[in-house]
């Protein structure tokens, strides 16, 4: 009989813990990065010509958003990004400068952006395109 009472009391105590831990408490949403556009077309460029574009983004989460890195891996594409956290609702941009190489042809190059954004958006790829003329 004592064991049955202990079992019931233990079950009630565990139930109380589960119920109290599952009660809804509004929390903050993690940082979330959202870009206005993911592709920029520079159009026709001459070899050696430089053009710049901005990839504008916002933090749609509640917590501060941090850009951890933004890189293209190419010498002729320079990438600048904010190093300070972006607050909830804040907007910023990643500046990309494309220095057209001497080789003529179509270019589609990707910039990889790493952030502390939640889910699959922690790594975002943006693309710059250009058609390099023969002079």
N, C-alpha and C. Protein backbone atom coordinates (compact mmCIF):
# COMPACT_ATOMS: atom_id res chain seq x y z
N UNK A 1 0.82 -1.19 0.00
CA UNK A 1 0.00 0.00 0.00
C UNK A 1 0.87 1.26 0.00
N UNK A 2 1.95 1.22 0.84
CA UNK A 2 2.84 2.37 0.88
C UNK A 2 3.49 2.61 -0.48
N UNK A 3 3.87 1.53 -1.15
CA UNK A 3 4.48 1.67 -2.47
C UNK A 3 3.51 2.28 -3.48
N UNK A 4 2.25 1.92 -3.37
CA UNK A 4 1.24 2.47 -4.28
C UNK A 4 1.07 3.96 -4.04
N UNK A 5 1.06 4.38 -2.78
CA UNK A 5 0.92 5.81 -2.45
C UNK A 5 2.15 6.57 -2.94
N UNK A 6 3.33 6.01 -2.73
CA UNK A 6 4.57 6.65 -3.20
C UNK A 6 4.55 6.80 -4.72
N UNK A 7 4.11 5.77 -5.40
CA UNK A 7 4.05 5.82 -6.86
C UNK A 7 3.10 6.91 -7.34
N UNK A 8 1.94 7.01 -6.68
CA UNK A 8 0.96 8.04 -7.06
C UNK A 8 1.53 9.43 -6.78
N UNK A 9 2.16 9.63 -5.63
CA UNK A 9 2.75 10.93 -5.29
C UNK A 9 3.88 11.29 -6.27
N UNK A 10 4.69 10.33 -6.60
CA UNK A 10 5.77 10.57 -7.55
C UNK A 10 5.22 10.94 -8.93
N UNK A 11 4.18 10.24 -9.34
CA UNK A 11 3.54 10.53 -10.61
C UNK A 11 2.93 11.93 -10.62
N UNK A 12 2.29 12.33 -9.52
CA UNK A 12 1.72 13.67 -9.42
C UNK A 12 2.82 14.74 -9.46
N UNK A 13 3.92 14.49 -8.76
CA UNK A 13 5.02 15.45 -8.74
C UNK A 13 5.62 15.61 -10.14
N UNK A 14 5.84 14.51 -10.83
CA UNK A 14 6.37 14.57 -12.19
C UNK A 14 5.40 15.27 -13.14
N UNK A 15 4.12 15.03 -12.97
CA UNK A 15 3.11 15.70 -13.80
C UNK A 15 3.14 17.20 -13.58
N UNK A 16 3.29 17.62 -12.33
CA UNK A 16 3.34 19.05 -12.02
C UNK A 16 4.55 19.70 -12.67
N UNK A 17 5.68 19.01 -12.67
CA UNK A 17 6.89 19.54 -13.30
C UNK A 17 6.68 19.68 -14.81
N UNK A 18 6.12 18.68 -15.43
CA UNK A 18 5.88 18.71 -16.87
C UNK A 18 4.91 19.83 -17.23
N UNK A 19 3.83 19.96 -16.49
CA UNK A 19 2.83 21.00 -16.77
C UNK A 19 3.43 22.39 -16.59
N UNK A 20 4.20 22.59 -15.54
CA UNK A 20 4.76 23.93 -15.30
C UNK A 20 5.82 24.28 -16.34
N UNK A 21 6.55 23.31 -16.84
CA UNK A 21 7.58 23.61 -17.84
C UNK A 21 6.99 23.80 -19.23
N UNK A 22 5.80 23.29 -19.48
CA UNK A 22 5.22 23.41 -20.81
C UNK A 22 4.25 24.58 -20.92
N UNK A 23 4.05 25.32 -19.86
CA UNK A 23 3.13 26.45 -19.94
C UNK A 23 3.72 27.52 -20.85
N UNK A 24 2.87 28.22 -21.58
CA UNK A 24 3.31 29.20 -22.57
C UNK A 24 3.87 30.44 -21.90
N UNK A 25 5.07 30.76 -22.26
CA UNK A 25 5.67 32.03 -21.83
C UNK A 25 6.20 32.70 -23.08
N UNK A 26 5.68 33.87 -23.36
CA UNK A 26 6.14 34.54 -24.57
C UNK A 26 7.63 34.83 -24.50
N UNK A 27 8.34 34.46 -25.54
CA UNK A 27 9.78 34.69 -25.58
C UNK A 27 10.15 35.54 -26.77
N UNK A 28 11.41 35.73 -26.93
CA UNK A 28 11.89 36.54 -28.05
C UNK A 28 12.24 35.63 -29.22
N UNK A 29 11.93 36.13 -30.39
CA UNK A 29 12.30 35.40 -31.60
C UNK A 29 13.78 35.62 -31.87
N UNK A 30 14.48 34.59 -32.32
CA UNK A 30 15.91 34.75 -32.63
C UNK A 30 16.09 35.70 -33.81
N UNK A 31 17.32 36.17 -34.04
CA UNK A 31 17.55 37.07 -35.17
C UNK A 31 17.19 36.38 -36.48
N UNK A 32 16.71 37.17 -37.42
CA UNK A 32 16.31 36.63 -38.72
C UNK A 32 16.70 37.63 -39.80
N UNK A 33 17.51 37.20 -40.76
CA UNK A 33 17.96 38.09 -41.84
C UNK A 33 17.01 37.97 -43.03
N UNK A 34 16.65 39.12 -43.60
CA UNK A 34 15.77 39.13 -44.78
C UNK A 34 16.31 40.15 -45.77
N UNK A 35 16.66 39.68 -46.96
CA UNK A 35 17.21 40.54 -48.01
C UNK A 35 16.11 41.08 -48.91
N UNK A 36 16.30 42.31 -49.39
CA UNK A 36 15.38 42.91 -50.35
C UNK A 36 15.52 42.19 -51.70
N UNK A 37 16.76 41.92 -52.11
CA UNK A 37 17.02 41.18 -53.35
C UNK A 37 18.26 40.32 -53.15
N UNK A 38 18.36 39.26 -53.92
CA UNK A 38 19.49 38.33 -53.82
C UNK A 38 20.38 38.34 -55.05
N UNK A 39 19.96 39.04 -56.11
CA UNK A 39 20.73 39.10 -57.35
C UNK A 39 20.83 40.54 -57.81
N UNK A 40 22.04 40.93 -58.26
CA UNK A 40 22.23 42.25 -58.86
C UNK A 40 22.94 42.07 -60.19
N UNK A 41 22.39 42.69 -61.23
CA UNK A 41 22.98 42.62 -62.57
C UNK A 41 23.62 43.97 -62.88
N UNK A 42 24.95 43.99 -63.02
CA UNK A 42 25.67 45.22 -63.35
C UNK A 42 25.52 45.59 -64.83
N UNK A 43 25.02 44.69 -65.63
CA UNK A 43 24.87 44.95 -67.06
C UNK A 43 26.20 44.80 -67.78
N UNK A 44 26.36 45.55 -68.88
CA UNK A 44 27.58 45.48 -69.68
C UNK A 44 28.65 46.36 -69.04
N UNK A 45 29.85 45.81 -68.89
CA UNK A 45 30.98 46.53 -68.30
C UNK A 45 32.20 46.36 -69.20
N UNK A 46 33.07 47.36 -69.14
CA UNK A 46 34.35 47.28 -69.86
C UNK A 46 35.38 46.65 -68.93
N UNK A 47 36.39 45.96 -69.46
CA UNK A 47 37.46 45.43 -68.62
C UNK A 47 38.09 46.55 -67.79
N UNK A 48 38.28 46.31 -66.50
CA UNK A 48 38.88 47.30 -65.60
C UNK A 48 37.88 48.28 -65.01
N UNK A 49 36.66 48.29 -65.48
CA UNK A 49 35.63 49.18 -64.94
C UNK A 49 35.15 48.66 -63.58
N UNK A 50 34.87 49.59 -62.66
CA UNK A 50 34.37 49.22 -61.33
C UNK A 50 32.94 49.71 -61.15
N UNK A 51 32.13 48.85 -60.59
CA UNK A 51 30.75 49.22 -60.22
C UNK A 51 30.46 48.65 -58.84
N UNK A 52 29.58 49.36 -58.13
CA UNK A 52 29.23 48.97 -56.76
C UNK A 52 27.72 48.82 -56.63
N UNK A 53 27.32 47.87 -55.80
CA UNK A 53 25.89 47.71 -55.47
C UNK A 53 25.77 47.41 -53.98
N UNK A 54 24.58 47.62 -53.46
CA UNK A 54 24.29 47.32 -52.06
C UNK A 54 23.19 46.26 -51.99
N UNK A 55 23.44 45.23 -51.20
CA UNK A 55 22.41 44.23 -50.90
C UNK A 55 21.83 44.62 -49.55
N UNK A 56 20.64 45.21 -49.58
CA UNK A 56 19.99 45.70 -48.37
C UNK A 56 19.27 44.54 -47.67
N UNK A 57 19.40 44.51 -46.34
CA UNK A 57 18.73 43.48 -45.55
C UNK A 57 18.21 44.09 -44.26
N UNK A 58 17.32 43.36 -43.61
CA UNK A 58 16.79 43.80 -42.32
C UNK A 58 16.77 42.63 -41.35
N UNK A 59 16.70 42.97 -40.07
CA UNK A 59 16.58 41.97 -39.01
C UNK A 59 15.11 41.90 -38.62
N UNK A 60 14.43 40.82 -39.00
CA UNK A 60 13.02 40.67 -38.68
C UNK A 60 12.79 39.90 -37.38
N UNK A 61 13.86 39.52 -36.70
CA UNK A 61 13.75 38.85 -35.41
C UNK A 61 13.79 39.86 -34.27
N UNK A 62 13.75 39.36 -33.04
CA UNK A 62 13.78 40.22 -31.85
C UNK A 62 15.19 40.43 -31.31
N UNK A 63 16.04 39.46 -31.50
CA UNK A 63 17.40 39.53 -30.97
C UNK A 63 18.33 40.20 -31.98
N UNK A 64 19.46 40.77 -31.52
CA UNK A 64 20.41 41.42 -32.45
C UNK A 64 20.97 40.43 -33.47
N UNK A 65 21.07 40.91 -34.71
CA UNK A 65 21.61 40.12 -35.82
C UNK A 65 23.06 40.50 -36.03
N UNK A 66 23.92 39.50 -36.19
CA UNK A 66 25.35 39.75 -36.43
C UNK A 66 25.75 39.10 -37.75
N UNK A 67 26.39 39.89 -38.59
CA UNK A 67 26.98 39.33 -39.82
C UNK A 67 28.36 38.83 -39.42
N UNK A 68 28.59 37.54 -39.55
CA UNK A 68 29.84 36.93 -39.13
C UNK A 68 30.90 37.00 -40.22
N UNK A 69 30.48 36.88 -41.47
CA UNK A 69 31.40 37.01 -42.60
C UNK A 69 30.61 37.19 -43.88
N UNK A 70 31.28 37.75 -44.87
CA UNK A 70 30.72 37.90 -46.22
C UNK A 70 31.89 37.86 -47.17
N UNK A 71 31.95 36.83 -48.00
CA UNK A 71 33.13 36.69 -48.87
C UNK A 71 32.77 36.06 -50.21
N UNK A 72 33.57 36.46 -51.20
CA UNK A 72 33.38 35.94 -52.55
C UNK A 72 34.48 34.95 -52.92
N UNK A 73 35.64 35.10 -52.31
CA UNK A 73 36.77 34.25 -52.65
C UNK A 73 37.47 34.68 -53.94
N UNK A 74 37.12 35.86 -54.45
CA UNK A 74 37.71 36.35 -55.70
C UNK A 74 38.36 37.71 -55.48
N UNK A 75 39.50 37.92 -56.12
CA UNK A 75 40.23 39.19 -55.96
C UNK A 75 39.49 40.37 -56.57
N UNK A 76 38.72 40.14 -57.62
CA UNK A 76 38.07 41.26 -58.31
C UNK A 76 36.69 41.61 -57.75
N UNK A 77 36.30 40.97 -56.65
CA UNK A 77 35.05 41.32 -55.96
C UNK A 77 35.39 41.66 -54.51
N UNK A 78 35.13 42.91 -54.14
CA UNK A 78 35.39 43.38 -52.78
C UNK A 78 34.04 43.44 -52.04
N UNK A 79 34.02 42.89 -50.83
CA UNK A 79 32.78 42.84 -50.05
C UNK A 79 33.00 43.55 -48.71
N UNK A 80 32.10 44.46 -48.39
CA UNK A 80 32.12 45.16 -47.10
C UNK A 80 30.79 44.90 -46.40
N UNK A 81 30.87 44.60 -45.09
CA UNK A 81 29.65 44.31 -44.33
C UNK A 81 29.72 44.94 -42.95
N UNK A 82 28.56 45.18 -42.32
CA UNK A 82 28.55 45.79 -40.99
C UNK A 82 29.13 44.84 -39.95
N UNK A 83 29.89 45.39 -39.04
CA UNK A 83 30.50 44.57 -37.98
C UNK A 83 29.81 44.75 -36.64
N UNK A 84 28.89 45.70 -36.55
CA UNK A 84 28.14 45.90 -35.31
C UNK A 84 26.78 45.20 -35.43
N UNK A 85 26.22 44.72 -34.31
CA UNK A 85 24.93 44.03 -34.36
C UNK A 85 23.81 44.95 -34.88
N UNK A 86 22.88 44.35 -35.59
CA UNK A 86 21.73 45.07 -36.13
C UNK A 86 20.54 44.75 -35.24
N UNK A 87 19.95 45.78 -34.66
CA UNK A 87 18.83 45.59 -33.73
C UNK A 87 17.56 45.17 -34.45
N UNK A 88 16.57 44.75 -33.68
CA UNK A 88 15.26 44.37 -34.18
C UNK A 88 14.71 45.47 -35.10
N UNK A 89 14.31 45.08 -36.31
CA UNK A 89 13.75 46.04 -37.26
C UNK A 89 14.78 46.88 -37.98
N UNK A 90 16.05 46.74 -37.60
CA UNK A 90 17.10 47.54 -38.22
C UNK A 90 17.41 47.11 -39.64
N UNK A 91 17.85 48.08 -40.45
CA UNK A 91 18.24 47.80 -41.84
C UNK A 91 19.71 48.15 -42.02
N UNK A 92 20.37 47.37 -42.84
CA UNK A 92 21.78 47.58 -43.17
C UNK A 92 21.99 47.09 -44.59
N UNK A 93 23.25 47.14 -45.03
CA UNK A 93 23.54 46.64 -46.37
C UNK A 93 24.93 46.04 -46.44
N UNK A 94 25.09 45.18 -47.41
CA UNK A 94 26.39 44.60 -47.73
C UNK A 94 26.78 45.20 -49.07
N UNK A 95 27.93 45.89 -49.07
CA UNK A 95 28.40 46.60 -50.26
C UNK A 95 29.33 45.69 -51.05
N UNK A 96 29.03 45.55 -52.34
CA UNK A 96 29.83 44.70 -53.22
C UNK A 96 30.38 45.57 -54.36
N UNK A 97 31.71 45.57 -54.50
CA UNK A 97 32.36 46.28 -55.59
C UNK A 97 32.94 45.26 -56.56
N UNK A 98 32.53 45.38 -57.81
CA UNK A 98 32.95 44.45 -58.86
C UNK A 98 33.93 45.18 -59.76
N UNK A 99 35.16 44.70 -59.81
CA UNK A 99 36.21 45.27 -60.66
C UNK A 99 36.34 44.32 -61.86
N UNK A 100 35.73 44.71 -62.97
CA UNK A 100 35.64 43.82 -64.13
C UNK A 100 37.01 43.31 -64.57
N UNK A 101 37.17 42.00 -64.63
CA UNK A 101 38.45 41.44 -65.07
C UNK A 101 38.66 41.67 -66.57
N UNK A 102 39.87 41.43 -67.04
CA UNK A 102 40.22 41.65 -68.44
C UNK A 102 39.62 40.64 -69.39
N UNK A 103 39.12 39.56 -68.89
CA UNK A 103 38.56 38.50 -69.73
C UNK A 103 37.11 38.83 -70.08
N UNK A 104 36.80 38.84 -71.37
CA UNK A 104 35.43 39.12 -71.82
C UNK A 104 34.53 37.92 -71.57
N UNK A 105 33.26 38.21 -71.38
CA UNK A 105 32.28 37.14 -71.20
C UNK A 105 31.30 37.43 -70.08
N UNK A 106 30.40 36.47 -69.87
CA UNK A 106 29.37 36.58 -68.84
C UNK A 106 29.93 36.12 -67.49
N UNK A 107 29.67 36.90 -66.43
CA UNK A 107 30.10 36.53 -65.09
C UNK A 107 28.90 36.44 -64.17
N UNK A 108 28.80 35.35 -63.43
CA UNK A 108 27.81 35.15 -62.37
C UNK A 108 28.61 34.70 -61.15
N UNK A 109 28.77 35.58 -60.18
CA UNK A 109 29.59 35.25 -59.01
C UNK A 109 28.76 35.35 -57.74
N UNK A 110 29.02 34.42 -56.84
CA UNK A 110 28.26 34.32 -55.60
C UNK A 110 29.06 34.82 -54.42
N UNK A 111 28.38 35.53 -53.53
CA UNK A 111 28.97 35.98 -52.26
C UNK A 111 28.24 35.22 -51.16
N UNK A 112 29.00 34.56 -50.29
CA UNK A 112 28.42 33.79 -49.19
C UNK A 112 28.41 34.65 -47.93
N UNK A 113 27.24 34.81 -47.33
CA UNK A 113 27.07 35.63 -46.14
C UNK A 113 26.68 34.72 -44.98
N UNK A 114 27.51 34.73 -43.93
CA UNK A 114 27.23 33.97 -42.71
C UNK A 114 26.76 34.93 -41.63
N UNK A 115 25.71 34.52 -40.90
CA UNK A 115 25.20 35.35 -39.81
C UNK A 115 24.71 34.46 -38.68
N UNK A 116 24.27 35.10 -37.60
CA UNK A 116 23.70 34.34 -36.49
C UNK A 116 22.19 34.20 -36.64
N UNK A 117 21.67 34.40 -37.85
CA UNK A 117 20.25 34.26 -38.14
C UNK A 117 19.81 32.83 -37.86
N UNK A 118 18.56 32.68 -37.48
CA UNK A 118 18.07 31.35 -37.13
C UNK A 118 17.75 30.52 -38.38
N UNK A 119 17.75 29.22 -38.20
CA UNK A 119 17.35 28.30 -39.25
C UNK A 119 18.29 28.26 -40.44
N UNK A 120 17.72 27.97 -41.59
CA UNK A 120 18.52 27.81 -42.80
C UNK A 120 19.03 29.14 -43.35
N UNK A 121 18.52 30.25 -42.83
CA UNK A 121 18.97 31.55 -43.36
C UNK A 121 20.26 32.04 -42.72
N UNK A 122 20.92 31.20 -41.90
CA UNK A 122 22.19 31.63 -41.31
C UNK A 122 23.27 31.77 -42.39
N UNK A 123 23.11 31.06 -43.50
CA UNK A 123 24.00 31.21 -44.66
C UNK A 123 23.15 31.61 -45.86
N UNK A 124 23.43 32.80 -46.38
CA UNK A 124 22.69 33.30 -47.53
C UNK A 124 23.67 33.55 -48.67
N UNK A 125 23.25 33.23 -49.88
CA UNK A 125 24.07 33.50 -51.07
C UNK A 125 23.41 34.62 -51.88
N UNK A 126 24.20 35.64 -52.17
CA UNK A 126 23.76 36.69 -53.08
C UNK A 126 24.64 36.61 -54.32
N UNK A 127 24.12 37.06 -55.45
CA UNK A 127 24.83 36.91 -56.72
C UNK A 127 24.96 38.23 -57.44
N UNK A 128 26.14 38.46 -58.02
CA UNK A 128 26.35 39.60 -58.91
C UNK A 128 26.62 39.05 -60.31
N UNK A 129 26.04 39.75 -61.29
CA UNK A 129 26.17 39.34 -62.69
C UNK A 129 26.69 40.51 -63.50
N UNK A 130 27.42 40.20 -64.55
CA UNK A 130 27.89 41.23 -65.48
C UNK A 130 28.28 40.58 -66.79
N UNK A 131 28.19 41.37 -67.84
CA UNK A 131 28.68 40.95 -69.14
C UNK A 131 29.88 41.85 -69.46
N UNK A 132 31.07 41.25 -69.47
CA UNK A 132 32.29 42.01 -69.73
C UNK A 132 32.50 42.06 -71.25
N UNK A 133 32.57 43.30 -71.76
CA UNK A 133 32.75 43.48 -73.21
C UNK A 133 34.22 43.27 -73.60
N UNK A 134 34.46 43.23 -74.89
CA UNK A 134 35.83 43.03 -75.38
C UNK A 134 36.59 44.33 -75.46
N UNK A 135 36.08 45.41 -75.02
CA UNK A 135 36.67 46.76 -74.95
C UNK A 135 35.78 47.77 -75.53
